[in-house]
Amino acid sequence: MVVSKRSIALVGIVVVSLLVYSCWMTSERFWQQMQLLAAYDSYSIFEHARIRAVSADVDETADQLAYIVGYYPSGTRLAKDSPLDKLVECCRNSAIRELIALLKEQTDKDLGNDPVAWILVHASDDSKRPYLIRNP
């Protein structure tokens, strides 16, 4: 059986195309896994901070609030407004609301729902520093 050069070239093109497609799919899958890991890491950090705050004093609760607010803001680790970024921000906002409610309960004060107000009043100096720079 005689195989023409044209058939060999066609098979070669198909093989190379499949190889390129396979590499592309592998890199896409790897990128998706990295994004999922980043989102899960953020969720875990928020959950850990929330758990620590429940059994902490006011200052530690405010420090945990500052940590949650400042931890990889939207668009720094995941593509801004991507579905995973929106999910992480939903988790962050939920944790922020819970810690502010806890601070209101712990202090019998109402500084509103802006986490920065709570951080500036109750957090340690190290936790306040980034917010003092932004809010002189």
Protein backbone atom coordinates (compact mmCIF):
# COMPACT_ATOMS: atom_id res chain seq x y z
CA MET A 1 0.00 0.00 0.00
CA VAL A 2 1.36 3.35 -1.07
CA VAL A 3 0.77 6.36 1.17
CA SER A 4 0.93 9.74 -0.50
CA LYS A 5 2.78 12.72 0.87
CA ARG A 6 -0.50 14.56 1.05
CA SER A 7 -2.02 11.91 3.37
CA ILE A 8 1.04 12.01 5.61
CA ALA A 9 0.85 15.82 5.78
CA LEU A 10 -2.86 15.68 6.60
CA VAL A 11 -2.31 13.14 9.38
CA GLY A 12 0.57 15.27 10.69
CA ILE A 13 -1.63 18.38 10.78
CA VAL A 14 -4.37 16.49 12.61
CA VAL A 15 -1.90 15.10 15.17
CA VAL A 16 -0.31 18.51 15.79
CA SER A 17 -3.75 20.13 16.06
CA LEU A 18 -4.88 17.55 18.60
CA LEU A 19 -1.66 18.04 20.57
CA VAL A 20 -2.10 21.83 20.63
CA TYR A 21 -5.75 21.47 21.64
CA SER A 22 -4.81 19.02 24.40
CA CYS A 23 -2.16 21.40 25.79
CA TRP A 24 -4.61 24.30 25.69
CA MET A 25 -7.29 22.30 27.53
CA THR A 26 -4.76 21.20 30.14
CA SER A 27 -3.67 24.78 30.78
CA GLU A 28 -7.31 25.92 30.99
CA ARG A 29 -8.06 23.19 33.51
CA PHE A 30 -4.96 24.12 35.52
CA TRP A 31 -6.00 27.81 35.55
CA GLN A 32 -9.52 26.90 36.69
CA GLN A 33 -8.11 24.74 39.50
CA MET A 34 -5.87 27.60 40.65
CA GLN A 35 -8.83 29.98 40.72
CA LEU A 36 -10.92 27.48 42.68
CA LEU A 37 -8.09 27.03 45.19
CA ALA A 38 -7.76 30.80 45.59
CA ALA A 39 -11.51 31.15 46.15
CA TYR A 40 -11.55 28.31 48.68
CA ASP A 41 -8.54 29.78 50.47
CA SER A 42 -10.32 33.12 50.83
CA TYR A 43 -13.46 31.43 52.11
CA SER A 44 -11.38 29.46 54.64
CA ILE A 45 -9.62 32.60 55.85
CA PHE A 46 -12.94 34.40 56.35
CA GLU A 47 -14.43 31.43 58.17
CA HIS A 48 -11.38 31.08 60.42
CA ALA A 49 -11.50 34.79 61.29
CA ARG A 50 -15.22 34.55 62.01
CA ILE A 51 -14.70 31.58 64.35
CA ARG A 52 -11.85 33.34 66.18
CA ALA A 53 -13.96 36.47 66.62
CA VAL A 54 -16.86 34.63 68.26
CA SER A 55 -14.76 33.77 71.32
CA ALA A 56 -12.62 36.93 71.31
CA ASP A 57 -12.74 40.29 73.03
CA VAL A 58 -13.71 43.50 71.24
CA ASP A 59 -10.18 44.39 70.13
CA GLU A 60 -9.51 40.95 68.66
CA THR A 61 -12.90 40.94 66.92
CA ALA A 62 -12.04 44.31 65.35
CA ASP A 63 -8.62 42.96 64.32
CA GLN A 64 -10.30 39.99 62.64
CA LEU A 65 -12.68 42.40 60.90
CA ALA A 66 -9.71 44.41 59.61
CA TYR A 67 -8.08 41.22 58.38
CA ILE A 68 -11.20 40.17 56.47
CA VAL A 69 -11.68 43.61 54.92
CA GLY A 70 -8.06 43.85 53.79
CA TYR A 71 -7.50 40.26 52.68
CA TYR A 72 -6.93 40.25 48.89
CA PRO A 73 -9.53 42.82 47.84
CA SER A 74 -11.73 42.06 44.85
CA GLY A 75 -9.79 41.85 41.61
CA THR A 76 -6.38 41.19 43.18
CA ARG A 77 -6.42 37.41 43.24
CA LEU A 78 -9.31 36.52 40.97
CA ALA A 79 -10.55 38.35 37.89
CA LYS A 80 -12.74 41.22 39.07
CA ASP A 81 -16.47 40.48 38.74
CA SER A 82 -15.85 36.88 37.68
CA PRO A 83 -18.31 34.36 39.14
CA LEU A 84 -15.71 33.15 41.68
CA ASP A 85 -14.79 36.72 42.63
CA LYS A 86 -18.46 37.49 43.23
CA LEU A 87 -18.77 34.38 45.39
CA VAL A 88 -15.71 35.32 47.45
CA GLU A 89 -17.01 38.87 47.90
CA CYS A 90 -20.36 37.48 49.03
CA CYS A 91 -18.55 35.39 51.67
CA ARG A 92 -16.47 38.41 52.70
CA ASN A 93 -19.52 40.65 53.04
CA SER A 94 -21.33 38.00 55.07
CA ALA A 95 -18.39 37.70 57.45
CA ILE A 96 -18.14 41.49 57.73
CA ARG A 97 -21.84 41.77 58.58
CA GLU A 98 -21.53 39.03 61.19
CA LEU A 99 -18.50 40.59 62.87
CA ILE A 100 -20.10 44.04 62.92
CA ALA A 101 -23.20 42.53 64.54
CA LEU A 102 -20.93 40.83 67.07
CA LEU A 103 -19.12 44.11 67.78
CA LYS A 104 -22.44 45.88 68.30
CA GLU A 105 -23.39 43.19 70.79
CA GLN A 106 -20.00 43.25 72.54
CA THR A 107 -19.83 47.04 72.87
CA ASP A 108 -23.49 48.06 73.15
CA LYS A 109 -22.61 50.74 70.57
CA ASP A 110 -23.72 51.30 67.02
CA LEU A 111 -21.03 52.75 64.79
CA GLY A 112 -23.02 51.80 61.70
CA ASN A 113 -22.33 49.15 59.09
CA ASP A 114 -19.07 50.58 57.74
CA PRO A 115 -16.31 48.21 58.88
CA VAL A 116 -13.68 50.97 58.76
CA ALA A 117 -15.46 52.87 61.55
CA TRP A 118 -15.29 49.80 63.80
CA ILE A 119 -11.68 49.15 62.86
CA LEU A 120 -10.58 52.71 63.60
CA VAL A 121 -12.25 52.73 67.02
CA HIS A 122 -11.55 49.21 68.30
CA ALA A 123 -8.73 47.50 66.39
CA SER A 124 -5.09 47.38 67.43
CA ASP A 125 -2.69 49.97 66.03
CA ASP A 126 -1.20 47.46 63.59
CA SER A 127 -4.64 46.63 62.21
CA LYS A 128 -5.60 50.33 62.00
CA ARG A 129 -2.49 51.45 60.14
CA PRO A 130 -3.69 50.78 56.55
CA TYR A 131 -6.99 52.54 57.26
CA LEU A 132 -5.33 55.57 58.87
CA ILE A 133 -3.28 56.04 55.70
CA ARG A 134 -6.46 55.97 53.57
CA ASN A 135 -8.56 58.01 56.04
CA PRO A 136 -6.29 60.69 57.58
